[in-house]
């Protein structure tokens, strides 16, 4: 396929993506599984309260992707369809992106003005969106929990602050193992409200509503954990954000980061370029994805030492990295 042919495919891709995410979001695959292999168009339409002609059109697209089979006017899931229906991470990821689709319509305005539209800040007032976001992030995080525990679990002792916690999957996992730790999970109030409804709370785990940039506390923590938080920081503000994080950590204790980092040539970073753009559509500012050298320098300049960077095993998201470091006791403020 030539570069021009690929561009045609990429330009058309929004139609395919929107159809598939809508089908999953509306429960078409789930209903097909429940009704069994002899579901007619009338049965599906009646069960879902959908217009038959529109439902038939969507089913044809699902057939093209090998998710649905039609035989003698009856519809059923294929093997791939069953796999997709049983893949909880895929389902919640599709549900989240179903909601995110409209944010990209604001890209022209963002390019002209230099400002994002705070899509997440607006949409998190909708509980359905919040739940889709949290469930998607929780499912994706599952793939790395065992690896994170092996690589850095021993650092998580004492008082832990999870910044931009979302579902706080890793910290909730550690708390459930009866470890001698206390976790404070900080995120925006709307996120925290939905997280409390979705996830079990523990006596040594506290959800904390607040915006990191304006949140204050007199407490200091033994560990600060940030899972995909720094990517939303504008390039010019990295030192400011990291210095604030540094101020929250006791001397000689730990900062643990999971984040996307750039490596290789530009052709290999297309997905990261798209993610970087999405930070500006989802937040107030365009974020920035660093490379290994940039994150190392930013951490050193902000009072961190013993910096280690390790690539995590491939998961359902982009390539992720684990960064561990300590506060430099020689640079105590």
C-alpha atoms as a PDB file:
ATOM      1  CA  UNK A   1       0.000   0.000   0.000  1.00  0.00           C
ATOM      2  CA  UNK A   2       1.426   3.376  -1.020  1.00  0.00           C
ATOM      3  CA  UNK A   3       1.632   6.348   1.349  1.00  0.00           C
ATOM      4  CA  UNK A   4      -1.203   8.067  -0.504  1.00  0.00           C
ATOM      5  CA  UNK A   5      -3.397   4.950  -0.320  1.00  0.00           C
ATOM      6  CA  UNK A   6      -2.705   4.739   3.408  1.00  0.00           C
ATOM      7  CA  UNK A   7      -3.749   8.365   3.804  1.00  0.00           C
ATOM      8  CA  UNK A   8      -7.075   7.624   2.130  1.00  0.00           C
ATOM      9  CA  UNK A   9      -7.601   4.754   4.590  1.00  0.00           C
ATOM     10  CA  UNK A  10      -6.661   6.923   7.555  1.00  0.00           C
ATOM     11  CA  UNK A  11      -9.035   9.704   6.481  1.00  0.00           C
ATOM     12  CA  UNK A  12     -11.912   7.241   6.217  1.00  0.00           C
ATOM     13  CA  UNK A  13     -11.055   5.545   9.503  1.00  0.00           C
ATOM     14  CA  UNK A  14     -13.272   7.809  11.620  1.00  0.00           C
ATOM     15  CA  UNK A  15     -16.348   6.259   9.969  1.00  0.00           C
ATOM     16  CA  UNK A  16     -15.250   2.748  10.866  1.00  0.00           C
ATOM     17  CA  UNK A  17     -14.165   3.705  14.365  1.00  0.00           C
ATOM     18  CA  UNK A  18     -17.397   5.531  15.115  1.00  0.00           C
ATOM     19  CA  UNK A  19     -19.529   2.637  13.867  1.00  0.00           C
ATOM     20  CA  UNK A  20     -17.661   0.012  15.891  1.00  0.00           C
ATOM     21  CA  UNK A  21     -17.506   2.059  19.115  1.00  0.00           C
ATOM     22  CA  UNK A  22     -21.202   2.902  18.762  1.00  0.00           C
ATOM     23  CA  UNK A  23     -22.128  -0.758  18.239  1.00  0.00           C
ATOM     24  CA  UNK A  24     -20.209  -1.777  21.349  1.00  0.00           C
ATOM     25  CA  UNK A  25     -21.495   1.173  23.390  1.00  0.00           C
ATOM     26  CA  UNK A  26     -25.110   0.401  22.461  1.00  0.00           C
ATOM     27  CA  UNK A  27     -24.735  -3.277  23.375  1.00  0.00           C
ATOM     28  CA  UNK A  28     -25.279  -4.834  19.948  1.00  0.00           C
ATOM     29  CA  UNK A  29     -22.614  -7.514  20.475  1.00  0.00           C
ATOM     30  CA  UNK A  30     -23.865  -8.230  23.989  1.00  0.00           C
ATOM     31  CA  UNK A  31     -27.436  -8.650  22.718  1.00  0.00           C
ATOM     32  CA  UNK A  32     -26.327 -10.974  19.927  1.00  0.00           C
ATOM     33  CA  UNK A  33     -24.583 -13.171  22.461  1.00  0.00           C
ATOM     34  CA  UNK A  34     -27.631 -13.222  24.718  1.00  0.00           C
ATOM     35  CA  UNK A  35     -30.134 -14.034  21.950  1.00  0.00           C
ATOM     36  CA  UNK A  36     -28.036 -16.821  20.505  1.00  0.00           C
ATOM     37  CA  UNK A  37     -27.307 -17.901  16.921  1.00  0.00           C
ATOM     38  CA  UNK A  38     -30.852 -17.570  15.534  1.00  0.00           C
ATOM     39  CA  UNK A  39     -31.471 -13.868  16.176  1.00  0.00           C
ATOM     40  CA  UNK A  40     -33.347 -12.206  13.324  1.00  0.00           C
ATOM     41  CA  UNK A  41     -33.157  -8.541  12.487  1.00  0.00           C
ATOM     42  CA  UNK A  42     -36.668  -8.194  13.928  1.00  0.00           C
ATOM     43  CA  UNK A  43     -35.579  -9.879  17.189  1.00  0.00           C
ATOM     44  CA  UNK A  44     -32.559  -7.597  17.553  1.00  0.00           C
ATOM     45  CA  UNK A  45     -34.537  -4.497  16.663  1.00  0.00           C
ATOM     46  CA  UNK A  46     -37.270  -5.330  19.173  1.00  0.00           C
ATOM     47  CA  UNK A  47     -34.803  -6.199  21.921  1.00  0.00           C
ATOM     48  CA  UNK A  48     -32.781  -3.010  21.482  1.00  0.00           C
ATOM     49  CA  UNK A  49     -35.585  -0.679  20.352  1.00  0.00           C
ATOM     50  CA  UNK A  50     -33.574   0.300  17.270  1.00  0.00           C
ATOM     51  CA  UNK A  51     -34.751   1.124  13.743  1.00  0.00           C
ATOM     52  CA  UNK A  52     -34.367  -1.994  11.593  1.00  0.00           C
ATOM     53  CA  UNK A  53     -32.870  -0.264   8.552  1.00  0.00           C
ATOM     54  CA  UNK A  54     -30.182   1.499  10.587  1.00  0.00           C
ATOM     55  CA  UNK A  55     -29.435  -1.610  12.620  1.00  0.00           C
ATOM     56  CA  UNK A  56     -29.062  -3.649   9.430  1.00  0.00           C
ATOM     57  CA  UNK A  57     -26.560  -1.121   8.077  1.00  0.00           C
ATOM     58  CA  UNK A  58     -24.466  -1.292  11.247  1.00  0.00           C
ATOM     59  CA  UNK A  59     -24.580  -5.104  11.242  1.00  0.00           C
ATOM     60  CA  UNK A  60     -23.193  -5.127   7.695  1.00  0.00           C
ATOM     61  CA  UNK A  61     -20.183  -3.130   8.877  1.00  0.00           C
ATOM     62  CA  UNK A  62     -19.669  -5.523  11.799  1.00  0.00           C
ATOM     63  CA  UNK A  63     -19.784  -8.395   9.302  1.00  0.00           C
ATOM     64  CA  UNK A  64     -17.039  -6.737   7.246  1.00  0.00           C
ATOM     65  CA  UNK A  65     -14.834  -6.743  10.358  1.00  0.00           C
ATOM     66  CA  UNK A  66     -15.535 -10.402  11.014  1.00  0.00           C
ATOM     67  CA  UNK A  67     -17.475  -9.781  14.224  1.00  0.00           C
ATOM     68  CA  UNK A  68     -20.909 -10.878  13.028  1.00  0.00           C
ATOM     69  CA  UNK A  69     -22.145 -13.601  10.716  1.00  0.00           C
ATOM     70  CA  UNK A  70     -25.458 -13.729   8.797  1.00  0.00           C
ATOM     71  CA  UNK A  71     -27.014 -16.990   7.658  1.00  0.00           C
ATOM     72  CA  UNK A  72     -30.577 -17.394   6.403  1.00  0.00           C
ATOM     73  CA  UNK A  73     -31.533 -13.965   7.740  1.00  0.00           C
ATOM     74  CA  UNK A  74     -30.270 -14.807  11.226  1.00  0.00           C
ATOM     75  CA  UNK A  75     -27.366 -13.052  12.889  1.00  0.00           C
ATOM     76  CA  UNK A  76     -24.772 -14.442  15.284  1.00  0.00           C
ATOM     77  CA  UNK A  77     -21.371 -13.581  16.682  1.00  0.00           C
ATOM     78  CA  UNK A  78     -18.326 -15.077  14.990  1.00  0.00           C
ATOM     79  CA  UNK A  79     -15.386 -16.428  16.980  1.00  0.00           C
ATOM     80  CA  UNK A  80     -13.782 -12.987  16.764  1.00  0.00           C
ATOM     81  CA  UNK A  81     -17.075 -11.427  17.809  1.00  0.00           C
ATOM     82  CA  UNK A  82     -17.188 -13.600  20.929  1.00  0.00           C
ATOM     83  CA  UNK A  83     -13.578 -12.662  21.700  1.00  0.00           C
ATOM     84  CA  UNK A  84     -14.421  -8.966  21.381  1.00  0.00           C
ATOM     85  CA  UNK A  85     -17.552  -9.361  23.515  1.00  0.00           C
ATOM     86  CA  UNK A  86     -15.600 -11.195  26.237  1.00  0.00           C
ATOM     87  CA  UNK A  87     -12.673  -8.741  26.207  1.00  0.00           C
ATOM     88  CA  UNK A  88     -13.667  -6.355  28.988  1.00  0.00           C
ATOM     89  CA  UNK A  89     -10.695  -4.057  28.360  1.00  0.00           C
ATOM     90  CA  UNK A  90     -11.681  -3.674  24.699  1.00  0.00           C
ATOM     91  CA  UNK A  91     -15.334  -3.031  25.569  1.00  0.00           C
ATOM     92  CA  UNK A  92     -14.674  -0.297  28.123  1.00  0.00           C
ATOM     93  CA  UNK A  93     -11.941   1.208  25.927  1.00  0.00           C
ATOM     94  CA  UNK A  94     -14.444   1.440  23.070  1.00  0.00           C
ATOM     95  CA  UNK A  95     -16.997   2.949  25.445  1.00  0.00           C
ATOM     96  CA  UNK A  96     -14.566   5.636  26.540  1.00  0.00           C
ATOM     97  CA  UNK A  97     -13.598   6.517  22.978  1.00  0.00           C
ATOM     98  CA  UNK A  98     -17.260   6.640  22.011  1.00  0.00           C
ATOM     99  CA  UNK A  99     -17.504   9.632  24.352  1.00  0.00           C
ATOM    100  CA  UNK A 100     -14.177  11.143  23.237  1.00  0.00           C
ATOM    101  CA  UNK A 101     -15.039  11.243  19.558  1.00  0.00           C
ATOM    102  CA  UNK A 102     -16.623  14.693  19.713  1.00  0.00           C
ATOM    103  CA  UNK A 103     -13.576  16.277  21.343  1.00  0.00           C
ATOM    104  CA  UNK A 104     -11.622  15.995  18.084  1.00  0.00           C
ATOM    105  CA  UNK A 105     -14.165  18.225  16.367  1.00  0.00           C
ATOM    106  CA  UNK A 106     -12.567  21.070  18.355  1.00  0.00           C
ATOM    107  CA  UNK A 107      -9.115  20.531  16.838  1.00  0.00           C
ATOM    108  CA  UNK A 108      -9.387  23.381  14.266  1.00  0.00           C
ATOM    109  CA  UNK A 109     -10.268  25.861  17.008  1.00  0.00           C
ATOM    110  CA  UNK A 110      -7.414  24.623  19.200  1.00  0.00           C
ATOM    111  CA  UNK A 111      -4.909  24.995  16.352  1.00  0.00           C
ATOM    112  CA  UNK A 112      -6.056  28.549  15.656  1.00  0.00           C
ATOM    113  CA  UNK A 113      -6.288  29.734  19.258  1.00  0.00           C
ATOM    114  CA  UNK A 114      -3.533  27.692  20.889  1.00  0.00           C
ATOM    115  CA  UNK A 115      -5.968  26.587  23.591  1.00  0.00           C
ATOM    116  CA  UNK A 116      -7.747  23.294  24.189  1.00  0.00           C
ATOM    117  CA  UNK A 117     -11.405  23.015  25.036  1.00  0.00           C
ATOM    118  CA  UNK A 118     -11.044  21.173  28.381  1.00  0.00           C
ATOM    119  CA  UNK A 119     -13.179  18.346  27.025  1.00  0.00           C
ATOM    120  CA  UNK A 120     -12.582  16.127  30.055  1.00  0.00           C
ATOM    121  CA  UNK A 121     -13.329  18.939  32.495  1.00  0.00           C
ATOM    122  CA  UNK A 122     -16.658  19.486  30.784  1.00  0.00           C
ATOM    123  CA  UNK A 123     -17.608  15.849  30.279  1.00  0.00           C
ATOM    124  CA  UNK A 124     -16.661  14.530  33.725  1.00  0.00           C
ATOM    125  CA  UNK A 125     -19.783  16.255  35.010  1.00  0.00           C
ATOM    126  CA  UNK A 126     -21.618  13.461  33.164  1.00  0.00           C
ATOM    127  CA  UNK A 127     -21.507  10.325  35.341  1.00  0.00           C
ATOM    128  CA  UNK A 128     -21.772   8.012  32.326  1.00  0.00           C
ATOM    129  CA  UNK A 129     -18.628   9.545  30.870  1.00  0.00           C
ATOM    130  CA  UNK A 130     -16.823   9.368  34.222  1.00  0.00           C
ATOM    131  CA  UNK A 131     -17.698   5.721  34.620  1.00  0.00           C
ATOM    132  CA  UNK A 132     -16.555   4.902  31.063  1.00  0.00           C
ATOM    133  CA  UNK A 133     -13.274   6.695  31.657  1.00  0.00           C
ATOM    134  CA  UNK A 134     -12.578   5.034  35.006  1.00  0.00           C
ATOM    135  CA  UNK A 135     -13.550   1.548  33.873  1.00  0.00           C
ATOM    136  CA  UNK A 136     -11.414   1.873  30.745  1.00  0.00           C
ATOM    137  CA  UNK A 137      -8.353   3.039  32.687  1.00  0.00           C
ATOM    138  CA  UNK A 138      -8.865   0.321  35.322  1.00  0.00           C
ATOM    139  CA  UNK A 139      -8.997  -2.471  32.740  1.00  0.00           C
ATOM    140  CA  UNK A 140      -5.941  -1.201  30.873  1.00  0.00           C
ATOM    141  CA  UNK A 141      -3.975  -0.890  34.134  1.00  0.00           C
ATOM    142  CA  UNK A 142      -4.528  -4.568  34.988  1.00  0.00           C
ATOM    143  CA  UNK A 143      -1.974  -5.688  32.408  1.00  0.00           C
ATOM    144  CA  UNK A 144       0.926  -4.080  34.318  1.00  0.00           C
ATOM    145  CA  UNK A 145      -0.002  -4.574  37.980  1.00  0.00           C
ATOM    146  CA  UNK A 146       2.057  -7.751  38.457  1.00  0.00           C
ATOM    147  CA  UNK A 147       5.080  -6.210  36.741  1.00  0.00           C
ATOM    148  CA  UNK A 148       4.824  -3.003  38.783  1.00  0.00           C
ATOM    149  CA  UNK A 149       4.620  -4.962  42.011  1.00  0.00           C
ATOM    150  CA  UNK A 150       7.746  -6.896  41.069  1.00  0.00           C
ATOM    151  CA  UNK A 151       9.724  -3.856  39.914  1.00  0.00           C
ATOM    152  CA  UNK A 152       8.800  -1.255  42.528  1.00  0.00           C
ATOM    153  CA  UNK A 153       6.353  -2.776  45.024  1.00  0.00           C
ATOM    154  CA  UNK A 154       8.966  -2.758  47.797  1.00  0.00           C
ATOM    155  CA  UNK A 155       9.143   1.052  47.649  1.00  0.00           C
ATOM    156  CA  UNK A 156       5.467   1.373  48.598  1.00  0.00           C
ATOM    157  CA  UNK A 157       5.697   1.616  52.366  1.00  0.00           C
ATOM    158  CA  UNK A 158       4.316   4.238  54.718  1.00  0.00           C
ATOM    159  CA  UNK A 159       2.167   7.052  53.381  1.00  0.00           C
ATOM    160  CA  UNK A 160       1.454   7.049  49.642  1.00  0.00           C
ATOM    161  CA  UNK A 161       0.032   9.845  47.467  1.00  0.00           C
ATOM    162  CA  UNK A 162      -1.436   8.809  44.103  1.00  0.00           C
ATOM    163  CA  UNK A 163      -1.667  11.970  41.945  1.00  0.00           C
ATOM    164  CA  UNK A 164      -4.165  11.987  39.089  1.00  0.00           C
ATOM    165  CA  UNK A 165      -5.302   8.681  40.528  1.00  0.00           C
ATOM    166  CA  UNK A 166      -8.243   7.848  38.265  1.00  0.00           C
ATOM    167  CA  UNK A 167      -9.193   4.321  39.386  1.00  0.00           C
ATOM    168  CA  UNK A 168      -5.941   4.133  41.422  1.00  0.00           C
ATOM    169  CA  UNK A 169      -5.641   0.523  40.286  1.00  0.00           C
ATOM    170  CA  UNK A 170      -2.108  -0.227  41.445  1.00  0.00           C
ATOM    171  CA  UNK A 171      -2.433   1.438  44.849  1.00  0.00           C
ATOM    172  CA  UNK A 172      -5.797  -0.211  45.510  1.00  0.00           C
ATOM    173  CA  UNK A 173      -4.208  -3.541  44.620  1.00  0.00           C
ATOM    174  CA  UNK A 174      -1.389  -3.007  47.111  1.00  0.00           C
ATOM    175  CA  UNK A 175      -3.757  -1.907  49.875  1.00  0.00           C
ATOM    176  CA  UNK A 176      -5.829  -5.055  49.423  1.00  0.00           C
ATOM    177  CA  UNK A 177      -2.752  -7.174  50.176  1.00  0.00           C
ATOM    178  CA  UNK A 178      -2.826  -5.953  53.808  1.00  0.00           C
ATOM    179  CA  UNK A 179       0.367  -4.000  53.378  1.00  0.00           C
ATOM    180  CA  UNK A 180       1.395  -1.537  56.072  1.00  0.00           C
ATOM    181  CA  UNK A 181       0.598   1.480  53.925  1.00  0.00           C
ATOM    182  CA  UNK A 182      -1.877   4.332  53.799  1.00  0.00           C
ATOM    183  CA  UNK A 183      -2.941   5.689  50.388  1.00  0.00           C
ATOM    184  CA  UNK A 184      -4.371   9.090  49.492  1.00  0.00           C
ATOM    185  CA  UNK A 185      -5.767   9.042  45.933  1.00  0.00           C
ATOM    186  CA  UNK A 186      -6.003  12.588  44.539  1.00  0.00           C
ATOM    187  CA  UNK A 187      -8.110  13.483  41.506  1.00  0.00           C
ATOM    188  CA  UNK A 188     -10.735  15.958  40.372  1.00  0.00           C
ATOM    189  CA  UNK A 189     -13.923  15.962  42.491  1.00  0.00           C
ATOM    190  CA  UNK A 190     -16.143  14.516  39.749  1.00  0.00           C
ATOM    191  CA  UNK A 191     -13.677  11.673  39.129  1.00  0.00           C
ATOM    192  CA  UNK A 192     -13.466  10.908  42.836  1.00  0.00           C
ATOM    193  CA  UNK A 193     -17.262  10.883  43.178  1.00  0.00           C
ATOM    194  CA  UNK A 194     -17.618   8.222  40.460  1.00  0.00           C
ATOM    195  CA  UNK A 195     -14.583   6.263  41.683  1.00  0.00           C
ATOM    196  CA  UNK A 196     -16.143   5.938  45.132  1.00  0.00           C
ATOM    197  CA  UNK A 197     -19.252   4.418  43.539  1.00  0.00           C
ATOM    198  CA  UNK A 198     -17.307   2.002  41.327  1.00  0.00           C
ATOM    199  CA  UNK A 199     -14.469   0.763  43.511  1.00  0.00           C
ATOM    200  CA  UNK A 200     -14.260  -0.655  46.985  1.00  0.00           C
ATOM    201  CA  UNK A 201     -12.809   1.545  49.708  1.00  0.00           C
ATOM    202  CA  UNK A 202     -10.505   0.385  52.504  1.00  0.00           C
ATOM    203  CA  UNK A 203      -9.667   1.708  55.927  1.00  0.00           C
ATOM    204  CA  UNK A 204      -6.160   2.615  54.772  1.00  0.00           C
ATOM    205  CA  UNK A 205      -7.266   4.056  51.423  1.00  0.00           C
ATOM    206  CA  UNK A 206      -8.783   7.537  51.041  1.00  0.00           C
ATOM    207  CA  UNK A 207     -10.118   9.245  47.926  1.00  0.00           C
ATOM    208  CA  UNK A 208      -9.135  12.925  47.953  1.00  0.00           C
ATOM    209  CA  UNK A 209     -11.015  15.383  45.685  1.00  0.00           C
ATOM    210  CA  UNK A 210      -8.855  18.219  44.392  1.00  0.00           C
ATOM    211  CA  UNK A 211      -6.899  19.727  41.512  1.00  0.00           C
ATOM    212  CA  UNK A 212      -3.179  18.981  41.892  1.00  0.00           C
ATOM    213  CA  UNK A 213      -2.134  22.471  40.816  1.00  0.00           C
ATOM    214  CA  UNK A 214      -4.174  24.189  43.546  1.00  0.00           C
ATOM    215  CA  UNK A 215      -4.245  21.381  46.145  1.00  0.00           C
ATOM    216  CA  UNK A 216      -2.282  22.015  49.339  1.00  0.00           C
ATOM    217  CA  UNK A 217      -1.416  19.882  52.332  1.00  0.00           C
ATOM    218  CA  UNK A 218       0.909  20.163  55.306  1.00  0.00           C
ATOM    219  CA  UNK A 219       1.618  16.440  55.082  1.00  0.00           C
ATOM    220  CA  UNK A 220       4.627  14.803  53.450  1.00  0.00           C
ATOM    221  CA  UNK A 221       4.574  11.366  51.885  1.00  0.00           C
ATOM    222  CA  UNK A 222       6.955   8.427  51.662  1.00  0.00           C
ATOM    223  CA  UNK A 223       5.974   7.751  48.050  1.00  0.00           C
ATOM    224  CA  UNK A 224       4.276   9.762  45.328  1.00  0.00           C
ATOM    225  CA  UNK A 225       2.919   7.694  42.464  1.00  0.00           C
ATOM    226  CA  UNK A 226       1.850   9.220  39.132  1.00  0.00           C
ATOM    227  CA  UNK A 227       0.298   6.998  36.477  1.00  0.00           C
ATOM    228  CA  UNK A 228       0.119   8.880  33.152  1.00  0.00           C
ATOM    229  CA  UNK A 229      -0.080  12.281  34.799  1.00  0.00           C
ATOM    230  CA  UNK A 230       2.998  14.144  33.547  1.00  0.00           C
ATOM    231  CA  UNK A 231       1.988  13.735  29.899  1.00  0.00           C
ATOM    232  CA  UNK A 232      -0.657  16.412  30.519  1.00  0.00           C
ATOM    233  CA  UNK A 233       1.961  18.919  31.683  1.00  0.00           C
ATOM    234  CA  UNK A 234       2.977  21.619  29.161  1.00  0.00           C
ATOM    235  CA  UNK A 235       6.656  21.441  28.226  1.00  0.00           C
ATOM    236  CA  UNK A 236       7.436  24.770  29.887  1.00  0.00           C
ATOM    237  CA  UNK A 237       5.847  23.678  33.190  1.00  0.00           C
ATOM    238  CA  UNK A 238       7.658  20.388  33.803  1.00  0.00           C
ATOM    239  CA  UNK A 239       9.995  21.860  36.392  1.00  0.00           C
ATOM    240  CA  UNK A 240       7.117  23.630  38.186  1.00  0.00           C
ATOM    241  CA  UNK A 241       5.041  20.430  38.401  1.00  0.00           C
ATOM    242  CA  UNK A 242       7.984  18.266  39.460  1.00  0.00           C
ATOM    243  CA  UNK A 243       9.113  20.742  42.104  1.00  0.00           C
ATOM    244  CA  UNK A 244       5.647  20.723  43.627  1.00  0.00           C
ATOM    245  CA  UNK A 245       5.684  16.915  43.609  1.00  0.00           C
ATOM    246  CA  UNK A 246       9.161  17.044  45.175  1.00  0.00           C
ATOM    247  CA  UNK A 247       7.850  19.258  47.972  1.00  0.00           C
ATOM    248  CA  UNK A 248       5.338  16.552  48.927  1.00  0.00           C
ATOM    249  CA  UNK A 249       7.932  13.788  49.446  1.00  0.00           C
ATOM    250  CA  UNK A 250      10.042  13.152  52.528  1.00  0.00           C
ATOM    251  CA  UNK A 251      13.816  13.288  52.141  1.00  0.00           C
ATOM    252  CA  UNK A 252      15.324  10.194  50.565  1.00  0.00           C
ATOM    253  CA  UNK A 253      11.924   8.744  49.675  1.00  0.00           C
ATOM    254  CA  UNK A 254      10.453   7.857  46.309  1.00  0.00           C
ATOM    255  CA  UNK A 255       8.709   9.181  43.222  1.00  0.00           C
ATOM    256  CA  UNK A 256       7.311   6.446  40.956  1.00  0.00           C
ATOM    257  CA  UNK A 257       6.131   7.345  37.462  1.00  0.00           C
ATOM    258  CA  UNK A 258       4.382   5.339  34.763  1.00  0.00           C
ATOM    259  CA  UNK A 259       4.321   7.333  31.556  1.00  0.00           C
ATOM    260  CA  UNK A 260       4.769   7.385  27.809  1.00  0.00           C
ATOM    261  CA  UNK A 261       8.237   8.326  26.563  1.00  0.00           C
ATOM    262  CA  UNK A 262       9.441   8.961  23.048  1.00  0.00           C
ATOM    263  CA  UNK A 263      12.150   6.900  21.433  1.00  0.00           C
ATOM    264  CA  UNK A 264      13.189   6.091  17.880  1.00  0.00           C
ATOM    265  CA  UNK A 265      12.379   8.157  14.811  1.00  0.00           C
ATOM    266  CA  UNK A 266       9.363  10.339  14.125  1.00  0.00           C
ATOM    267  CA  UNK A 267       7.632   7.702  11.992  1.00  0.00           C
ATOM    268  CA  UNK A 268       7.433   5.426  15.049  1.00  0.00           C
ATOM    269  CA  UNK A 269       5.742   8.013  17.278  1.00  0.00           C
ATOM    270  CA  UNK A 270       2.502   8.658  15.371  1.00  0.00           C
ATOM    271  CA  UNK A 271       0.352   7.311  18.198  1.00  0.00           C
ATOM    272  CA  UNK A 272       2.218   9.446  20.727  1.00  0.00           C
ATOM    273  CA  UNK A 273       1.754  12.494  18.513  1.00  0.00           C
ATOM    274  CA  UNK A 274      -1.986  11.829  18.503  1.00  0.00           C
ATOM    275  CA  UNK A 275      -1.998  11.333  22.271  1.00  0.00           C
ATOM    276  CA  UNK A 276      -0.114  14.592  22.745  1.00  0.00           C
ATOM    277  CA  UNK A 277      -2.746  16.426  20.697  1.00  0.00           C
ATOM    278  CA  UNK A 278      -5.494  14.772  22.740  1.00  0.00           C
ATOM    279  CA  UNK A 279      -4.045  16.205  25.965  1.00  0.00           C
ATOM    280  CA  UNK A 280      -4.815  19.683  24.651  1.00  0.00           C
ATOM    281  CA  UNK A 281      -8.314  18.683  23.625  1.00  0.00           C
ATOM    282  CA  UNK A 282      -8.934  17.041  26.996  1.00  0.00           C
ATOM    283  CA  UNK A 283      -7.289  19.672  29.179  1.00  0.00           C
ATOM    284  CA  UNK A 284      -6.522  23.345  29.423  1.00  0.00           C
ATOM    285  CA  UNK A 285      -3.110  23.046  27.775  1.00  0.00           C
ATOM    286  CA  UNK A 286      -1.262  20.974  25.217  1.00  0.00           C
ATOM    287  CA  UNK A 287       0.814  18.429  27.113  1.00  0.00           C
ATOM    288  CA  UNK A 288       4.227  17.165  26.107  1.00  0.00           C
ATOM    289  CA  UNK A 289       5.673  13.672  25.909  1.00  0.00           C
ATOM    290  CA  UNK A 290       9.354  13.616  26.842  1.00  0.00           C
ATOM    291  CA  UNK A 291      12.154  11.301  25.813  1.00  0.00           C
ATOM    292  CA  UNK A 292      14.458   9.539  28.294  1.00  0.00           C
ATOM    293  CA  UNK A 293      17.018  12.320  28.296  1.00  0.00           C
ATOM    294  CA  UNK A 294      14.399  15.006  28.908  1.00  0.00           C
ATOM    295  CA  UNK A 295      12.721  13.222  31.822  1.00  0.00           C
ATOM    296  CA  UNK A 296      16.103  12.485  33.390  1.00  0.00           C
ATOM    297  CA  UNK A 297      17.193  16.131  33.152  1.00  0.00           C
ATOM    298  CA  UNK A 298      13.842  17.434  34.423  1.00  0.00           C
ATOM    299  CA  UNK A 299      13.973  15.122  37.450  1.00  0.00           C
ATOM    300  CA  UNK A 300      17.587  16.007  38.264  1.00  0.00           C
ATOM    301  CA  UNK A 301      16.863  19.736  38.068  1.00  0.00           C
ATOM    302  CA  UNK A 302      13.859  19.265  40.364  1.00  0.00           C
ATOM    303  CA  UNK A 303      15.806  17.588  43.177  1.00  0.00           C
ATOM    304  CA  UNK A 304      15.591  13.873  42.358  1.00  0.00           C
ATOM    305  CA  UNK A 305      18.401  11.355  42.202  1.00  0.00           C
ATOM    306  CA  UNK A 306      19.017   7.619  41.567  1.00  0.00           C
ATOM    307  CA  UNK A 307      16.830   7.768  38.462  1.00  0.00           C
ATOM    308  CA  UNK A 308      16.031   4.456  36.780  1.00  0.00           C
ATOM    309  CA  UNK A 309      13.994   4.023  33.592  1.00  0.00           C
ATOM    310  CA  UNK A 310      12.633   0.685  32.404  1.00  0.00           C
ATOM    311  CA  UNK A 311      10.272  -0.159  29.573  1.00  0.00           C
ATOM    312  CA  UNK A 312       7.208  -2.081  30.698  1.00  0.00           C
ATOM    313  CA  UNK A 313       5.962  -5.160  28.812  1.00  0.00           C
ATOM    314  CA  UNK A 314       3.662  -4.442  25.894  1.00  0.00           C
ATOM    315  CA  UNK A 315       0.058  -3.909  26.960  1.00  0.00           C
ATOM    316  CA  UNK A 316      -3.171  -2.690  25.352  1.00  0.00           C
ATOM    317  CA  UNK A 317      -1.979   0.932  25.441  1.00  0.00           C
ATOM    318  CA  UNK A 318       1.052   2.641  23.862  1.00  0.00           C
ATOM    319  CA  UNK A 319       4.570   1.666  24.973  1.00  0.00           C
ATOM    320  CA  UNK A 320       4.882   2.548  28.649  1.00  0.00           C
ATOM    321  CA  UNK A 321       7.848   3.181  30.912  1.00  0.00           C
ATOM    322  CA  UNK A 322       8.460   2.868  34.640  1.00  0.00           C
ATOM    323  CA  UNK A 323      10.591   5.621  36.177  1.00  0.00           C
ATOM    324  CA  UNK A 324      11.784   5.340  39.772  1.00  0.00           C
ATOM    325  CA  UNK A 325      13.778   7.963  41.648  1.00  0.00           C
ATOM    326  CA  UNK A 326      14.423   9.363  45.109  1.00  0.00           C
ATOM    327  CA  UNK A 327      14.403  12.841  46.581  1.00  0.00           C
ATOM    328  CA  UNK A 328      17.949  14.130  46.931  1.00  0.00           C
ATOM    329  CA  UNK A 329      18.498  14.722  50.648  1.00  0.00           C
ATOM    330  CA  UNK A 330      21.309  17.120  49.733  1.00  0.00           C
ATOM    331  CA  UNK A 331      18.763  19.415  48.080  1.00  0.00           C
ATOM    332  CA  UNK A 332      16.257  19.687  50.910  1.00  0.00           C
ATOM    333  CA  UNK A 333      14.262  22.904  50.709  1.00  0.00           C
END
